[in-house]
Amino acid sequence: MRFRLFGTRTEAHIRRSLEYLEEANLAWVEHQAAAEHHAALAKMYSERIGRIEEEIKNSHQLRPTVLHQPPEDSRDEIEHPKAESIVVYPTRATR
């Protein structure tokens, strides 16, 4: 003959354990879906980085390596326009 110390408590314990198991399974499904989403985002950004790096690489290849500079004699003759040092804004009354 078996001696039941906990009796009906064992059934309640099993029911509660089944609830915990169901919660754990639902959480696993949710996290699995989130992991797939994040993996897709990681792949997308990896491809984007590759495209951007390729564009930068191609733009450096097309750019001339030496900038055109005028001869030494003509550099002194070039006049650069002088910027205004004071900016005058209209008053509120005239707006």
PDB file of N, CA and C in Angstrom:
ATOM      1  N   MET A   1       0.841  -1.175   0.000  1.00  0.00           N
ATOM      2  CA  MET A   1       0.000   0.000   0.000  1.00  0.00           C
ATOM      3  C   MET A   1       0.890   1.243   0.000  1.00  0.00           C
ATOM      4  N   ARG A   2       0.505   2.216  -0.810  1.00  0.00           N
ATOM      5  CA  ARG A   2       1.255   3.466  -0.908  1.00  0.00           C
ATOM      6  C   ARG A   2       0.746   4.474   0.109  1.00  0.00           C
ATOM      7  N   PHE A   3       1.713   5.189   0.632  1.00  0.00           N
ATOM      8  CA  PHE A   3       1.355   6.228   1.579  1.00  0.00           C
ATOM      9  C   PHE A   3       1.398   7.574   0.852  1.00  0.00           C
ATOM     10  N   ARG A   4       0.283   8.284   0.787  1.00  0.00           N
ATOM     11  CA  ARG A   4       0.222   9.573   0.096  1.00  0.00           C
ATOM     12  C   ARG A   4       0.317  10.685   1.131  1.00  0.00           C
ATOM     13  N   LEU A   5       1.466  11.309   1.116  1.00  0.00           N
ATOM     14  CA  LEU A   5       1.676  12.391   2.069  1.00  0.00           C
ATOM     15  C   LEU A   5       0.986  13.674   1.598  1.00  0.00           C
ATOM     16  N   PHE A   6       1.082  13.927   0.266  1.00  0.00           N
ATOM     17  CA  PHE A   6       0.570  15.204  -0.241  1.00  0.00           C
ATOM     18  C   PHE A   6      -0.833  15.085  -0.823  1.00  0.00           C
ATOM     19  N   GLY A   7      -1.258  13.935  -1.207  1.00  0.00           N
ATOM     20  CA  GLY A   7      -2.623  13.722  -1.688  1.00  0.00           C
ATOM     21  C   GLY A   7      -2.981  14.614  -2.861  1.00  0.00           C
ATOM     22  N   THR A   8      -3.982  15.482  -2.675  1.00  0.00           N
ATOM     23  CA  THR A   8      -4.480  16.350  -3.743  1.00  0.00           C
ATOM     24  C   THR A   8      -3.498  17.461  -4.099  1.00  0.00           C
ATOM     25  N   ARG A   9      -2.578  17.737  -3.214  1.00  0.00           N
ATOM     26  CA  ARG A   9      -1.573  18.769  -3.513  1.00  0.00           C
ATOM     27  C   ARG A   9      -0.722  18.367  -4.714  1.00  0.00           C
ATOM     28  N   THR A  10      -0.479  17.086  -4.894  1.00  0.00           N
ATOM     29  CA  THR A  10       0.324  16.603  -6.014  1.00  0.00           C
ATOM     30  C   THR A  10      -0.367  16.934  -7.327  1.00  0.00           C
ATOM     31  N   GLU A  11      -1.679  16.749  -7.395  1.00  0.00           N
ATOM     32  CA  GLU A  11      -2.425  17.073  -8.607  1.00  0.00           C
ATOM     33  C   GLU A  11      -2.370  18.569  -8.894  1.00  0.00           C
ATOM     34  N   ALA A  12      -2.493  19.370  -7.876  1.00  0.00           N
ATOM     35  CA  ALA A  12      -2.406  20.822  -8.056  1.00  0.00           C
ATOM     36  C   ALA A  12      -1.007  21.216  -8.520  1.00  0.00           C
ATOM     37  N   HIS A  13      -0.025  20.541  -7.962  1.00  0.00           N
ATOM     38  CA  HIS A  13       1.362  20.808  -8.360  1.00  0.00           C
ATOM     39  C   HIS A  13       1.581  20.454  -9.833  1.00  0.00           C
ATOM     40  N   ILE A  14       1.032  19.350 -10.284  1.00  0.00           N
ATOM     41  CA  ILE A  14       1.165  18.936 -11.683  1.00  0.00           C
ATOM     42  C   ILE A  14       0.439  19.911 -12.600  1.00  0.00           C
ATOM     43  N   ARG A  15      -0.752  20.349 -12.199  1.00  0.00           N
ATOM     44  CA  ARG A  15      -1.492  21.332 -13.004  1.00  0.00           C
ATOM     45  C   ARG A  15      -0.690  22.624 -13.141  1.00  0.00           C
ATOM     46  N   ARG A  16      -0.135  23.067 -12.035  1.00  0.00           N
ATOM     47  CA  ARG A  16       0.656  24.315 -12.069  1.00  0.00           C
ATOM     48  C   ARG A  16       1.906  24.120 -12.930  1.00  0.00           C
ATOM     49  N   SER A  17       2.525  22.956 -12.836  1.00  0.00           N
ATOM     50  CA  SER A  17       3.704  22.664 -13.659  1.00  0.00           C
ATOM     51  C   SER A  17       3.341  22.658 -15.140  1.00  0.00           C
ATOM     52  N   LEU A  18       2.162  22.149 -15.470  1.00  0.00           N
ATOM     53  CA  LEU A  18       1.704  22.163 -16.865  1.00  0.00           C
ATOM     54  C   LEU A  18       1.486  23.602 -17.359  1.00  0.00           C
ATOM     55  N   GLU A  19       0.963  24.463 -16.470  1.00  0.00           N
ATOM     56  CA  GLU A  19       0.804  25.878 -16.818  1.00  0.00           C
ATOM     57  C   GLU A  19       2.167  26.527 -17.082  1.00  0.00           C
ATOM     58  N   TYR A  20       3.143  26.223 -16.220  1.00  0.00           N
ATOM     59  CA  TYR A  20       4.489  26.747 -16.419  1.00  0.00           C
ATOM     60  C   TYR A  20       5.082  26.251 -17.736  1.00  0.00           C
ATOM     61  N   LEU A  21       4.830  24.992 -18.054  1.00  0.00           N
ATOM     62  CA  LEU A  21       5.330  24.420 -19.296  1.00  0.00           C
ATOM     63  C   LEU A  21       4.717  25.119 -20.504  1.00  0.00           C
ATOM     64  N   GLU A  22       3.424  25.389 -20.443  1.00  0.00           N
ATOM     65  CA  GLU A  22       2.751  26.082 -21.538  1.00  0.00           C
ATOM     66  C   GLU A  22       3.298  27.509 -21.693  1.00  0.00           C
ATOM     67  N   GLU A  23       3.482  28.210 -20.587  1.00  0.00           N
ATOM     68  CA  GLU A  23       4.049  29.564 -20.632  1.00  0.00           C
ATOM     69  C   GLU A  23       5.449  29.549 -21.241  1.00  0.00           C
ATOM     70  N   ALA A  24       6.242  28.545 -20.841  1.00  0.00           N
ATOM     71  CA  ALA A  24       7.604  28.434 -21.365  1.00  0.00           C
ATOM     72  C   ALA A  24       7.590  28.161 -22.864  1.00  0.00           C
ATOM     73  N   ASN A  25       6.671  27.313 -23.316  1.00  0.00           N
ATOM     74  CA  ASN A  25       6.569  27.031 -24.749  1.00  0.00           C
ATOM     75  C   ASN A  25       6.145  28.275 -25.531  1.00  0.00           C
ATOM     76  N   LEU A  26       5.188  29.030 -25.002  1.00  0.00           N
ATOM     77  CA  LEU A  26       4.765  30.268 -25.665  1.00  0.00           C
ATOM     78  C   LEU A  26       5.909  31.278 -25.722  1.00  0.00           C
ATOM     79  N   ALA A  27       6.637  31.418 -24.629  1.00  0.00           N
ATOM     80  CA  ALA A  27       7.778  32.344 -24.611  1.00  0.00           C
ATOM     81  C   ALA A  27       8.847  31.908 -25.612  1.00  0.00           C
ATOM     82  N   TRP A  28       9.065  30.602 -25.722  1.00  0.00           N
ATOM     83  CA  TRP A  28      10.051  30.085 -26.681  1.00  0.00           C
ATOM     84  C   TRP A  28       9.637  30.443 -28.104  1.00  0.00           C
ATOM     85  N   VAL A  29       8.348  30.255 -28.436  1.00  0.00           N
ATOM     86  CA  VAL A  29       7.858  30.582 -29.785  1.00  0.00           C
ATOM     87  C   VAL A  29       8.042  32.075 -30.064  1.00  0.00           C
ATOM     88  N   GLU A  30       7.679  32.921 -29.096  1.00  0.00           N
ATOM     89  CA  GLU A  30       7.828  34.364 -29.268  1.00  0.00           C
ATOM     90  C   GLU A  30       9.288  34.749 -29.475  1.00  0.00           C
ATOM     91  N   HIS A  31      10.178  34.183 -28.675  1.00  0.00           N
ATOM     92  CA  HIS A  31      11.591  34.513 -28.795  1.00  0.00           C
ATOM     93  C   HIS A  31      12.184  33.952 -30.084  1.00  0.00           C
ATOM     94  N   GLN A  32      11.707  32.810 -30.517  1.00  0.00           N
ATOM     95  CA  GLN A  32      12.174  32.234 -31.775  1.00  0.00           C
ATOM     96  C   GLN A  32      11.782  33.154 -32.936  1.00  0.00           C
ATOM     97  N   ALA A  33      10.552  33.662 -32.915  1.00  0.00           N
ATOM     98  CA  ALA A  33      10.103  34.595 -33.955  1.00  0.00           C
ATOM     99  C   ALA A  33      10.933  35.877 -33.917  1.00  0.00           C
ATOM    100  N   ALA A  34      11.204  36.376 -32.717  1.00  0.00           N
ATOM    101  CA  ALA A  34      12.023  37.590 -32.595  1.00  0.00           C
ATOM    102  C   ALA A  34      13.438  37.336 -33.089  1.00  0.00           C
ATOM    103  N   ALA A  35      13.979  36.164 -32.812  1.00  0.00           N
ATOM    104  CA  ALA A  35      15.332  35.828 -33.266  1.00  0.00           C
ATOM    105  C   ALA A  35      15.388  35.775 -34.791  1.00  0.00           C
ATOM    106  N   GLU A  36      14.355  35.217 -35.418  1.00  0.00           N
ATOM    107  CA  GLU A  36      14.306  35.185 -36.881  1.00  0.00           C
ATOM    108  C   GLU A  36      14.223  36.592 -37.446  1.00  0.00           C
ATOM    109  N   HIS A  37      13.446  37.441 -36.805  1.00  0.00           N
ATOM    110  CA  HIS A  37      13.322  38.836 -37.240  1.00  0.00           C
ATOM    111  C   HIS A  37      14.667  39.546 -37.137  1.00  0.00           C
ATOM    112  N   HIS A  38      15.356  39.367 -36.016  1.00  0.00           N
ATOM    113  CA  HIS A  38      16.651  40.020 -35.826  1.00  0.00           C
ATOM    114  C   HIS A  38      17.703  39.465 -36.779  1.00  0.00           C
ATOM    115  N   ALA A  39      17.635  38.181 -37.071  1.00  0.00           N
ATOM    116  CA  ALA A  39      18.574  37.598 -38.038  1.00  0.00           C
ATOM    117  C   ALA A  39      18.348  38.193 -39.423  1.00  0.00           C
ATOM    118  N   ALA A  40      17.082  38.393 -39.791  1.00  0.00           N
ATOM    119  CA  ALA A  40      16.778  39.012 -41.082  1.00  0.00           C
ATOM    120  C   ALA A  40      17.281  40.447 -41.127  1.00  0.00           C
ATOM    121  N   LEU A  41      17.104  41.181 -40.022  1.00  0.00           N
ATOM    122  CA  LEU A  41      17.615  42.560 -39.968  1.00  0.00           C
ATOM    123  C   LEU A  41      19.135  42.583 -40.052  1.00  0.00           C
ATOM    124  N   ALA A  42      19.789  41.668 -39.361  1.00  0.00           N
ATOM    125  CA  ALA A  42      21.253  41.615 -39.398  1.00  0.00           C
ATOM    126  C   ALA A  42      21.738  41.339 -40.817  1.00  0.00           C
ATOM    127  N   LYS A  43      21.072  40.441 -41.514  1.00  0.00           N
ATOM    128  CA  LYS A  43      21.444  40.138 -42.899  1.00  0.00           C
ATOM    129  C   LYS A  43      21.238  41.361 -43.783  1.00  0.00           C
ATOM    130  N   MET A  44      20.098  42.047 -43.604  1.00  0.00           N
ATOM    131  CA  MET A  44      19.799  43.231 -44.401  1.00  0.00           C
ATOM    132  C   MET A  44      20.864  44.312 -44.191  1.00  0.00           C
ATOM    133  N   TYR A  45      21.231  44.563 -42.926  1.00  0.00           N
ATOM    134  CA  TYR A  45      22.238  45.592 -42.652  1.00  0.00           C
ATOM    135  C   TYR A  45      23.616  45.172 -43.141  1.00  0.00           C
ATOM    136  N   SER A  46      23.921  43.900 -43.097  1.00  0.00           N
ATOM    137  CA  SER A  46      25.193  43.418 -43.628  1.00  0.00           C
ATOM    138  C   SER A  46      25.279  43.681 -45.125  1.00  0.00           C
ATOM    139  N   GLU A  47      24.191  43.408 -45.843  1.00  0.00           N
ATOM    140  CA  GLU A  47      24.160  43.682 -47.276  1.00  0.00           C
ATOM    141  C   GLU A  47      24.236  45.181 -47.549  1.00  0.00           C
ATOM    142  N   ARG A  48      23.575  45.967 -46.717  1.00  0.00           N
ATOM    143  CA  ARG A  48      23.608  47.433 -46.888  1.00  0.00           C
ATOM    144  C   ARG A  48      25.028  47.957 -46.695  1.00  0.00           C
ATOM    145  N   ILE A  49      25.716  47.451 -45.684  1.00  0.00           N
ATOM    146  CA  ILE A  49      27.103  47.867 -45.439  1.00  0.00           C
ATOM    147  C   ILE A  49      27.958  47.534 -46.641  1.00  0.00           C
ATOM    148  N   GLY A  50      27.763  46.350 -47.203  1.00  0.00           N
ATOM    149  CA  GLY A  50      28.526  45.954 -48.388  1.00  0.00           C
ATOM    150  C   GLY A  50      28.281  46.882 -49.558  1.00  0.00           C
ATOM    151  N   ARG A  51      27.009  47.252 -49.785  1.00  0.00           N
ATOM    152  CA  ARG A  51      26.689  48.174 -50.890  1.00  0.00           C
ATOM    153  C   ARG A  51      27.322  49.545 -50.668  1.00  0.00           C
ATOM    154  N   ILE A  52      27.237  50.058 -49.446  1.00  0.00           N
ATOM    155  CA  ILE A  52      27.794  51.381 -49.151  1.00  0.00           C
ATOM    156  C   ILE A  52      29.308  51.370 -49.304  1.00  0.00           C
ATOM    157  N   GLU A  53      29.959  50.317 -48.795  1.00  0.00           N
ATOM    158  CA  GLU A  53      31.415  50.219 -48.939  1.00  0.00           C
ATOM    159  C   GLU A  53      31.815  50.142 -50.409  1.00  0.00           C
ATOM    160  N   GLU A  54      31.038  49.428 -51.211  1.00  0.00           N
ATOM    161  CA  GLU A  54      31.326  49.324 -52.646  1.00  0.00           C
ATOM    162  C   GLU A  54      31.166  50.685 -53.323  1.00  0.00           C
ATOM    163  N   GLU A  55      30.134  51.438 -52.942  1.00  0.00           N
ATOM    164  CA  GLU A  55      29.931  52.778 -53.506  1.00  0.00           C
ATOM    165  C   GLU A  55      31.101  53.692 -53.144  1.00  0.00           C
ATOM    166  N   ILE A  56      31.549  53.619 -51.898  1.00  0.00           N
ATOM    167  CA  ILE A  56      32.675  54.455 -51.466  1.00  0.00           C
ATOM    168  C   ILE A  56      33.929  54.064 -52.231  1.00  0.00           C
ATOM    169  N   LYS A  57      34.148  52.782 -52.382  1.00  0.00           N
ATOM    170  CA  LYS A  57      35.321  52.293 -53.111  1.00  0.00           C
ATOM    171  C   LYS A  57      35.282  52.777 -54.562  1.00  0.00           C
ATOM    172  N   ASN A  58      34.116  52.671 -55.203  1.00  0.00           N
ATOM    173  CA  ASN A  58      33.986  53.125 -56.591  1.00  0.00           C
ATOM    174  C   ASN A  58      34.152  54.635 -56.715  1.00  0.00           C
ATOM    175  N   SER A  59      33.678  55.390 -55.746  1.00  0.00           N
ATOM    176  CA  SER A  59      33.809  56.852 -55.828  1.00  0.00           C
ATOM    177  C   SER A  59      35.265  57.277 -55.674  1.00  0.00           C
ATOM    178  N   HIS A  60      36.059  56.537 -54.886  1.00  0.00           N
ATOM    179  CA  HIS A  60      37.480  56.862 -54.746  1.00  0.00           C
ATOM    180  C   HIS A  60      38.242  56.533 -56.018  1.00  0.00           C
ATOM    181  N   GLN A  61      37.810  55.511 -56.740  1.00  0.00           N
ATOM    182  CA  GLN A  61      38.484  55.142 -57.971  1.00  0.00           C
ATOM    183  C   GLN A  61      38.204  56.155 -59.078  1.00  0.00           C
ATOM    184  N   LEU A  62      37.022  56.747 -59.075  1.00  0.00           N
ATOM    185  CA  LEU A  62      36.666  57.714 -60.115  1.00  0.00           C
ATOM    186  C   LEU A  62      37.249  59.091 -59.852  1.00  0.00           C
ATOM    187  N   ARG A  63      37.550  59.389 -58.616  1.00  0.00           N
ATOM    188  CA  ARG A  63      38.056  60.704 -58.242  1.00  0.00           C
ATOM    189  C   ARG A  63      39.509  60.846 -58.692  1.00  0.00           C
ATOM    190  N   PRO A  64      39.857  61.989 -59.299  1.00  0.00           N
ATOM    191  CA  PRO A  64      41.260  62.173 -59.705  1.00  0.00           C
ATOM    192  C   PRO A  64      42.163  62.254 -58.478  1.00  0.00           C
ATOM    193  N   THR A  65      43.339  61.695 -58.603  1.00  0.00           N
ATOM    194  CA  THR A  65      44.240  61.649 -57.455  1.00  0.00           C
ATOM    195  C   THR A  65      44.928  62.987 -57.218  1.00  0.00           C
ATOM    196  N   VAL A  66      45.179  63.767 -58.272  1.00  0.00           N
ATOM    197  CA  VAL A  66      45.848  65.055 -58.130  1.00  0.00           C
ATOM    198  C   VAL A  66      44.868  66.146 -58.520  1.00  0.00           C
ATOM    199  N   LEU A  67      44.672  67.089 -57.626  1.00  0.00           N
ATOM    200  CA  LEU A  67      43.790  68.205 -57.918  1.00  0.00           C
ATOM    201  C   LEU A  67      44.506  69.206 -58.815  1.00  0.00           C
ATOM    202  N   HIS A  68      43.769  69.794 -59.727  1.00  0.00           N
ATOM    203  CA  HIS A  68      44.355  70.787 -60.626  1.00  0.00           C
ATOM    204  C   HIS A  68      44.627  72.073 -59.855  1.00  0.00           C
ATOM    205  N   GLN A  69      45.847  72.536 -59.924  1.00  0.00           N
ATOM    206  CA  GLN A  69      46.224  73.792 -59.277  1.00  0.00           C
ATOM    207  C   GLN A  69      46.824  74.709 -60.330  1.00  0.00           C
ATOM    208  N   PRO A  70      46.490  75.973 -60.273  1.00  0.00           N
ATOM    209  CA  PRO A  70      47.070  76.909 -61.241  1.00  0.00           C
ATOM    210  C   PRO A  70      48.571  77.058 -60.991  1.00  0.00           C
ATOM    211  N   PRO A  71      49.320  77.462 -62.024  1.00  0.00           N
ATOM    212  CA  PRO A  71      50.766  77.671 -61.848  1.00  0.00           C
ATOM    213  C   PRO A  71      51.049  78.709 -60.771  1.00  0.00           C
ATOM    214  N   GLU A  72      52.247  78.674 -60.222  1.00  0.00           N
ATOM    215  CA  GLU A  72      52.649  79.574 -59.138  1.00  0.00           C
ATOM    216  C   GLU A  72      52.444  81.043 -59.500  1.00  0.00           C
ATOM    217  N   ASP A  73      52.759  81.427 -60.723  1.00  0.00           N
ATOM    218  CA  ASP A  73      52.664  82.839 -61.120  1.00  0.00           C
ATOM    219  C   ASP A  73      51.222  83.338 -61.077  1.00  0.00           C
ATOM    220  N   SER A  74      50.288  82.527 -61.495  1.00  0.00           N
ATOM    221  CA  SER A  74      48.905  83.002 -61.582  1.00  0.00           C
ATOM    222  C   SER A  74      48.199  82.955 -60.231  1.00  0.00           C
ATOM    223  N   ARG A  75      48.729  82.225 -59.244  1.00  0.00           N
ATOM    224  CA  ARG A  75      48.086  82.160 -57.924  1.00  0.00           C
ATOM    225  C   ARG A  75      48.058  83.524 -57.256  1.00  0.00           C
ATOM    226  N   ASP A  76      49.106  84.296 -57.438  1.00  0.00           N
ATOM    227  CA  ASP A  76      49.164  85.613 -56.812  1.00  0.00           C
ATOM    228  C   ASP A  76      48.175  86.588 -57.451  1.00  0.00           C
ATOM    229  N   GLU A  77      47.852  86.359 -58.717  1.00  0.00           N
ATOM    230  CA  GLU A  77      46.985  87.285 -59.441  1.00  0.00           C
ATOM    231  C   GLU A  77      45.504  87.027 -59.168  1.00  0.00           C
ATOM    232  N   ILE A  78      45.175  85.869 -58.640  1.00  0.00           N
ATOM    233  CA  ILE A  78      43.772  85.547 -58.402  1.00  0.00           C
ATOM    234  C   ILE A  78      43.264  86.377 -57.228  1.00  0.00           C
ATOM    235  N   GLU A  79      42.164  87.089 -57.483  1.00  0.00           N
ATOM    236  CA  GLU A  79      41.556  87.879 -56.421  1.00  0.00           C
ATOM    237  C   GLU A  79      40.378  87.105 -55.848  1.00  0.00           C
ATOM    238  N   HIS A  80      40.376  86.965 -54.565  1.00  0.00           N
ATOM    239  CA  HIS A  80      39.282  86.288 -53.902  1.00  0.00           C
ATOM    240  C   HIS A  80      38.310  87.326 -53.373  1.00  0.00           C
ATOM    241  N   PRO A  81      37.030  87.125 -53.592  1.00  0.00           N
ATOM    242  CA  PRO A  81      36.056  88.097 -53.070  1.00  0.00           C
ATOM    243  C   PRO A  81      36.070  88.099 -51.550  1.00  0.00           C
ATOM    244  N   LYS A  82      35.935  89.289 -50.987  1.00  0.00           N
ATOM    245  CA  LYS A  82      35.933  89.415 -49.533  1.00  0.00           C
ATOM    246  C   LYS A  82      34.504  89.301 -49.023  1.00  0.00           C
ATOM    247  N   ALA A  83      34.331  88.521 -47.987  1.00  0.00           N
ATOM    248  CA  ALA A  83      33.011  88.333 -47.400  1.00  0.00           C
ATOM    249  C   ALA A  83      32.693  89.497 -46.480  1.00  0.00           C
ATOM    250  N   GLU A  84      31.422  89.805 -46.411  1.00  0.00           N
ATOM    251  CA  GLU A  84      30.977  90.843 -45.488  1.00  0.00           C
ATOM    252  C   GLU A  84      31.176  90.344 -44.066  1.00  0.00           C
ATOM    253  N   SER A  85      31.748  91.162 -43.213  1.00  0.00           N
ATOM    254  CA  SER A  85      31.981  90.734 -41.846  1.00  0.00           C
ATOM    255  C   SER A  85      30.779  91.002 -40.951  1.00  0.00           C
ATOM    256  N   ILE A  86      29.873  91.886 -41.374  1.00  0.00           N
ATOM    257  CA  ILE A  86      28.702  92.208 -40.574  1.00  0.00           C
ATOM    258  C   ILE A  86      27.459  91.903 -41.402  1.00  0.00           C
ATOM    259  N   VAL A  87      26.573  91.139 -40.830  1.00  0.00           N
ATOM    260  CA  VAL A  87      25.318  90.828 -41.492  1.00  0.00           C
ATOM    261  C   VAL A  87      24.244  91.693 -40.863  1.00  0.00           C
ATOM    262  N   VAL A  88      23.510  92.405 -41.708  1.00  0.00           N
ATOM    263  CA  VAL A  88      22.464  93.292 -41.220  1.00  0.00           C
ATOM    264  C   VAL A  88      21.123  92.620 -41.469  1.00  0.00           C
ATOM    265  N   TYR A  89      20.382  92.416 -40.399  1.00  0.00           N
ATOM    266  CA  TYR A  89      19.068  91.809 -40.495  1.00  0.00           C
ATOM    267  C   TYR A  89      18.008  92.900 -40.410  1.00  0.00           C
ATOM    268  N   PRO A  90      16.909  92.707 -41.114  1.00  0.00           N
ATOM    269  CA  PRO A  90      15.842  93.734 -41.015  1.00  0.00           C
ATOM    270  C   PRO A  90      15.223  93.707 -39.627  1.00  0.00           C
ATOM    271  N   THR A  91      14.748  94.852 -39.202  1.00  0.00           N
ATOM    272  CA  THR A  91      14.103  94.928 -37.894  1.00  0.00           C
ATOM    273  C   THR A  91      12.724  94.300 -37.982  1.00  0.00           C
ATOM    274  N   ARG A  92      12.146  94.031 -36.836  1.00  0.00           N
ATOM    275  CA  ARG A  92      10.815  93.421 -36.807  1.00  0.00           C
ATOM    276  C   ARG A  92       9.756  94.347 -37.394  1.00  0.00           C
ATOM    277  N   ALA A  93       9.931  95.622 -37.239  1.00  0.00           N
ATOM    278  CA  ALA A  93       8.945  96.581 -37.731  1.00  0.00           C
ATOM    279  C   ALA A  93       8.884  96.590 -39.261  1.00  0.00           C
ATOM    280  N   THR A  94       9.997  96.320 -39.927  1.00  0.00           N
ATOM    281  CA  THR A  94      10.003  96.369 -41.389  1.00  0.00           C
ATOM    282  C   THR A  94       9.576  95.046 -42.013  1.00  0.00           C
ATOM    283  N   ARG A  95       9.432  94.002 -41.233  1.00  0.00           N
ATOM    284  CA  ARG A  95       9.024  92.700 -41.797  1.00  0.00           C
ATOM    285  C   ARG A  95       7.591  92.640 -42.052  1.00  0.00           C
TER     286      ARG A  95
END
